[in-house]
Every structure is written in structure tokens, then in C-alpha cells.
N, C-alpha and C. Protein backbone atom coordinates (compact mmCIF):
# COMPACT_ATOMS: atom_id res chain seq x y z
N MET A 1 -171.78 102.38 -59.78
CA MET A 1 -172.04 101.22 -58.96
C MET A 1 -170.79 100.23 -59.10
N ILE A 2 -170.50 99.64 -57.95
CA ILE A 2 -169.34 98.74 -57.89
C ILE A 2 -169.67 97.49 -57.04
N GLU A 3 -169.00 96.35 -57.36
CA GLU A 3 -169.10 95.18 -56.70
C GLU A 3 -167.72 94.76 -56.25
N GLY A 4 -167.71 94.38 -54.98
CA GLY A 4 -166.39 93.83 -54.46
C GLY A 4 -166.63 93.38 -52.98
N ARG A 5 -165.35 93.19 -52.46
CA ARG A 5 -165.20 92.70 -51.01
C ARG A 5 -164.81 93.84 -50.24
N VAL A 6 -165.44 93.95 -49.05
CA VAL A 6 -165.14 94.88 -48.01
C VAL A 6 -163.74 94.58 -47.47
N LYS A 7 -162.65 95.52 -47.79
CA LYS A 7 -161.39 95.15 -47.40
C LYS A 7 -161.11 95.75 -46.07
N HIS A 8 -161.61 96.87 -45.90
CA HIS A 8 -161.31 97.77 -44.50
C HIS A 8 -162.50 98.47 -44.08
N LEU A 9 -162.64 98.59 -42.86
CA LEU A 9 -163.65 99.51 -42.18
C LEU A 9 -163.00 100.54 -41.27
N ASN A 10 -163.41 101.65 -41.37
CA ASN A 10 -162.94 102.78 -40.40
C ASN A 10 -164.26 103.18 -39.58
N ARG A 11 -164.44 102.65 -38.50
CA ARG A 11 -165.81 102.92 -37.77
C ARG A 11 -165.80 104.39 -37.28
N ILE A 12 -164.68 105.11 -37.06
CA ILE A 12 -164.76 106.52 -36.58
C ILE A 12 -165.10 107.42 -37.68
N ASN A 13 -164.52 107.15 -38.81
CA ASN A 13 -164.79 108.11 -40.01
C ASN A 13 -165.93 107.62 -40.83
N ARG A 14 -166.53 106.43 -40.49
CA ARG A 14 -167.69 105.75 -41.31
C ARG A 14 -167.37 105.68 -42.75
N THR A 15 -166.11 105.03 -42.91
CA THR A 15 -165.67 104.73 -44.32
C THR A 15 -165.45 103.20 -44.50
N ALA A 16 -165.49 102.74 -45.58
CA ALA A 16 -165.16 101.40 -46.00
C ALA A 16 -164.36 101.42 -47.34
N VAL A 17 -163.34 100.55 -47.46
CA VAL A 17 -162.61 100.28 -48.67
C VAL A 17 -163.22 99.12 -49.29
N VAL A 18 -163.70 99.13 -50.52
CA VAL A 18 -164.18 97.96 -51.28
C VAL A 18 -163.24 97.57 -52.36
N GLU A 19 -162.68 96.38 -52.35
CA GLU A 19 -161.84 95.98 -53.48
C GLU A 19 -162.61 95.20 -54.42
N THR A 20 -162.43 95.58 -55.70
CA THR A 20 -163.18 95.08 -56.87
C THR A 20 -162.47 93.84 -57.41
N SER A 21 -162.98 93.00 -58.10
CA SER A 21 -162.47 91.75 -58.62
C SER A 21 -161.20 91.96 -59.51
N ASP A 22 -161.05 93.19 -59.97
CA ASP A 22 -159.94 93.53 -60.81
C ASP A 22 -158.81 94.33 -59.96
N GLY A 23 -158.99 94.09 -58.62
CA GLY A 23 -157.92 94.82 -57.63
C GLY A 23 -158.02 96.21 -57.41
N ARG A 24 -159.12 96.85 -58.01
CA ARG A 24 -159.24 98.34 -57.77
C ARG A 24 -159.85 98.54 -56.46
N GLU A 25 -159.26 99.49 -55.59
CA GLU A 25 -159.85 99.80 -54.35
C GLU A 25 -160.56 101.16 -54.19
N VAL A 26 -161.79 101.12 -53.77
CA VAL A 26 -162.69 102.40 -53.70
C VAL A 26 -163.06 102.67 -52.22
N ALA A 27 -162.67 103.97 -51.72
CA ALA A 27 -163.16 104.24 -50.36
C ALA A 27 -164.44 104.84 -50.35
N LEU A 28 -165.42 104.47 -49.68
CA LEU A 28 -166.77 105.02 -49.71
C LEU A 28 -166.95 105.50 -48.33
N HIS A 29 -167.70 106.68 -48.27
CA HIS A 29 -168.14 107.39 -47.05
C HIS A 29 -169.61 107.00 -46.78
N PHE A 30 -170.05 106.73 -45.66
CA PHE A 30 -171.39 106.50 -45.45
C PHE A 30 -171.94 107.57 -44.38
N GLY A 31 -173.13 108.21 -44.86
CA GLY A 31 -173.76 109.14 -44.20
C GLY A 31 -174.93 108.53 -43.26
N ALA A 32 -175.50 109.25 -42.54
CA ALA A 32 -176.66 108.73 -41.61
C ALA A 32 -177.77 108.23 -42.57
N GLU A 33 -177.96 108.65 -43.83
CA GLU A 33 -178.94 108.37 -44.71
C GLU A 33 -178.68 107.23 -45.67
N SER A 34 -177.43 106.69 -45.56
CA SER A 34 -176.97 105.57 -46.42
C SER A 34 -177.92 104.31 -46.20
N TYR A 35 -178.38 103.58 -47.15
CA TYR A 35 -179.14 102.33 -46.95
C TYR A 35 -178.14 101.21 -46.97
N ILE A 36 -178.23 100.48 -46.01
CA ILE A 36 -177.34 99.24 -45.78
C ILE A 36 -178.16 98.00 -45.55
N GLU A 37 -177.82 97.09 -46.30
CA GLU A 37 -178.54 95.70 -46.23
C GLU A 37 -177.50 94.63 -45.87
N VAL A 38 -177.68 93.88 -44.81
CA VAL A 38 -176.67 92.93 -44.40
C VAL A 38 -177.29 91.63 -44.09
N PRO A 39 -176.50 90.49 -44.08
CA PRO A 39 -176.94 89.20 -43.82
C PRO A 39 -177.63 89.03 -42.51
N GLU A 40 -178.77 88.18 -42.30
CA GLU A 40 -179.45 87.98 -41.21
C GLU A 40 -179.15 86.51 -40.91
N LEU A 41 -178.34 86.18 -40.00
CA LEU A 41 -177.93 84.77 -39.84
C LEU A 41 -179.04 83.80 -39.49
N ALA A 42 -179.85 84.15 -38.65
CA ALA A 42 -180.95 83.16 -38.21
C ALA A 42 -181.79 82.75 -39.29
N SER A 43 -182.10 83.56 -40.29
CA SER A 43 -183.09 83.28 -41.39
C SER A 43 -182.34 82.93 -42.60
N GLY A 44 -181.05 83.18 -42.82
CA GLY A 44 -180.30 83.14 -44.01
C GLY A 44 -180.65 84.10 -44.99
N GLY A 45 -181.42 85.18 -44.63
CA GLY A 45 -181.77 86.23 -45.57
C GLY A 45 -181.08 87.42 -45.36
N PHE A 46 -181.55 88.53 -45.70
CA PHE A 46 -180.84 89.91 -45.53
C PHE A 46 -181.76 90.84 -44.76
N ILE A 47 -181.26 91.77 -43.95
CA ILE A 47 -182.10 92.75 -43.38
C ILE A 47 -181.46 94.19 -43.47
N THR A 48 -182.39 95.19 -43.30
CA THR A 48 -181.83 96.45 -43.37
C THR A 48 -181.10 96.77 -42.09
N GLY A 49 -179.90 97.23 -42.12
CA GLY A 49 -179.05 97.39 -41.00
C GLY A 49 -178.32 98.79 -40.97
N SER A 50 -177.26 99.05 -40.38
CA SER A 50 -176.55 100.22 -40.27
C SER A 50 -175.13 100.01 -40.62
N PHE A 51 -174.28 101.10 -40.62
CA PHE A 51 -172.93 100.92 -40.92
C PHE A 51 -172.27 99.93 -39.80
N GLU A 52 -172.72 100.07 -38.63
CA GLU A 52 -172.05 99.21 -37.64
C GLU A 52 -172.31 97.75 -37.87
N TYR A 53 -173.17 97.34 -38.83
CA TYR A 53 -173.47 95.92 -39.08
C TYR A 53 -172.48 95.37 -40.01
N LEU A 54 -171.91 96.31 -40.79
CA LEU A 54 -170.90 95.74 -41.81
C LEU A 54 -169.67 95.12 -41.16
N LYS A 55 -169.12 94.07 -42.05
CA LYS A 55 -167.89 93.38 -41.64
C LYS A 55 -166.98 93.26 -42.66
N GLU A 56 -165.72 93.24 -42.40
CA GLU A 56 -164.77 93.00 -43.40
C GLU A 56 -165.01 91.66 -43.99
N GLY A 57 -164.72 91.54 -45.35
CA GLY A 57 -164.90 90.30 -45.97
C GLY A 57 -166.18 90.07 -46.68
N TYR A 58 -167.15 90.91 -46.30
CA TYR A 58 -168.59 90.78 -47.07
C TYR A 58 -168.38 91.15 -48.57
N TRP A 59 -168.98 90.37 -49.45
CA TRP A 59 -169.14 90.74 -50.85
C TRP A 59 -170.30 91.69 -50.93
N VAL A 60 -170.08 92.80 -51.63
CA VAL A 60 -171.06 93.75 -51.54
C VAL A 60 -171.31 94.47 -53.04
N GLU A 61 -172.37 95.13 -53.09
CA GLU A 61 -172.74 95.85 -54.36
C GLU A 61 -173.16 97.32 -53.80
N ALA A 62 -172.44 98.30 -54.25
CA ALA A 62 -172.59 99.66 -53.68
C ALA A 62 -172.90 100.60 -54.75
N LYS A 63 -173.81 101.57 -54.53
CA LYS A 63 -174.09 102.75 -55.29
C LYS A 63 -173.67 103.81 -54.58
N PHE A 64 -173.01 104.84 -55.37
CA PHE A 64 -172.40 105.95 -54.78
C PHE A 64 -172.39 107.04 -55.85
N THR A 65 -172.17 108.41 -55.09
CA THR A 65 -171.88 109.45 -56.01
C THR A 65 -170.61 110.10 -55.58
N GLU A 66 -170.02 110.82 -56.47
CA GLU A 66 -168.63 111.45 -56.17
C GLU A 66 -168.87 112.97 -56.14
N SER A 67 -168.43 113.48 -55.03
CA SER A 67 -168.54 114.93 -54.90
C SER A 67 -167.36 115.44 -53.78
N ASP A 68 -166.92 116.53 -53.96
CA ASP A 68 -165.95 117.06 -52.94
C ASP A 68 -164.77 116.25 -52.94
N GLY A 69 -164.40 115.55 -53.78
CA GLY A 69 -163.23 114.53 -53.84
C GLY A 69 -163.42 113.17 -53.05
N ALA A 70 -164.68 112.89 -52.86
CA ALA A 70 -165.03 111.72 -52.04
C ALA A 70 -166.04 111.00 -52.69
N CYS A 71 -166.21 109.73 -52.41
CA CYS A 71 -167.34 108.77 -52.90
C CYS A 71 -168.31 108.58 -51.74
N HIS A 72 -169.52 109.11 -51.89
CA HIS A 72 -170.50 109.07 -51.00
C HIS A 72 -171.56 107.83 -51.21
N CYS A 73 -171.50 106.86 -50.40
CA CYS A 73 -172.36 105.74 -50.60
C CYS A 73 -173.77 105.95 -50.30
N SER A 74 -174.71 105.75 -51.28
CA SER A 74 -176.14 105.90 -51.04
C SER A 74 -176.70 104.62 -50.67
N SER A 75 -176.33 103.39 -51.11
CA SER A 75 -176.76 102.31 -50.76
C SER A 75 -175.71 101.15 -50.97
N LEU A 76 -175.79 100.23 -49.93
CA LEU A 76 -174.88 99.09 -50.04
C LEU A 76 -175.62 97.73 -49.62
N CYS A 77 -175.58 96.72 -50.45
CA CYS A 77 -176.17 95.52 -50.23
C CYS A 77 -175.23 94.42 -50.39
N CYS A 78 -175.22 93.57 -49.14
CA CYS A 78 -174.36 92.45 -49.12
C CYS A 78 -174.86 91.22 -50.01
N ARG A 79 -173.92 90.73 -50.68
CA ARG A 79 -174.22 89.51 -51.56
C ARG A 79 -173.80 88.26 -51.02
N SER A 80 -173.09 88.34 -49.80
CA SER A 80 -172.59 86.98 -49.30
C SER A 80 -172.90 86.93 -47.79
């Protein structure tokens, strides 16, 4: 698991680069089964969303597995 800020999104490849507080960058790949929770502005809470709802700058907590030389995100929850 990592915590950090979404630094870059690649919508075509469904990847996000998350920068941790110590400056490390982790590239995460999102499959169709990835669980994503994003802010819901109207209520001030959070809702289940999709990769398309992510924005650069969100502070997130992500769980992932490593295989085939890539990090595959199983869940990502926004904390900001």
C-alpha cells in the first residue's frame, strides 16, 4: 500500500503516477475491476467512481500488486 499525491494521469493507458511524501514515484495500472473512491463535491463525502473520475493533485491511498513488471492497482481511495 502507498499514500501520496496523483502526479500524472494517462487516460489512454489507464495509468496514474503517485508521488509519495518522500518523493518516490509509483506508476499504477488500473484494470476494469479496480475499486476507485473519489470525492463527491455536493455532499462533501466520497463515492465509488471509475478511473475517469480521478484528477491530478488528489491525495490517495492505493493498494496494488506487482506482476509482469508492473504495479496493478486493486483499490484507490481519495483522502482529499
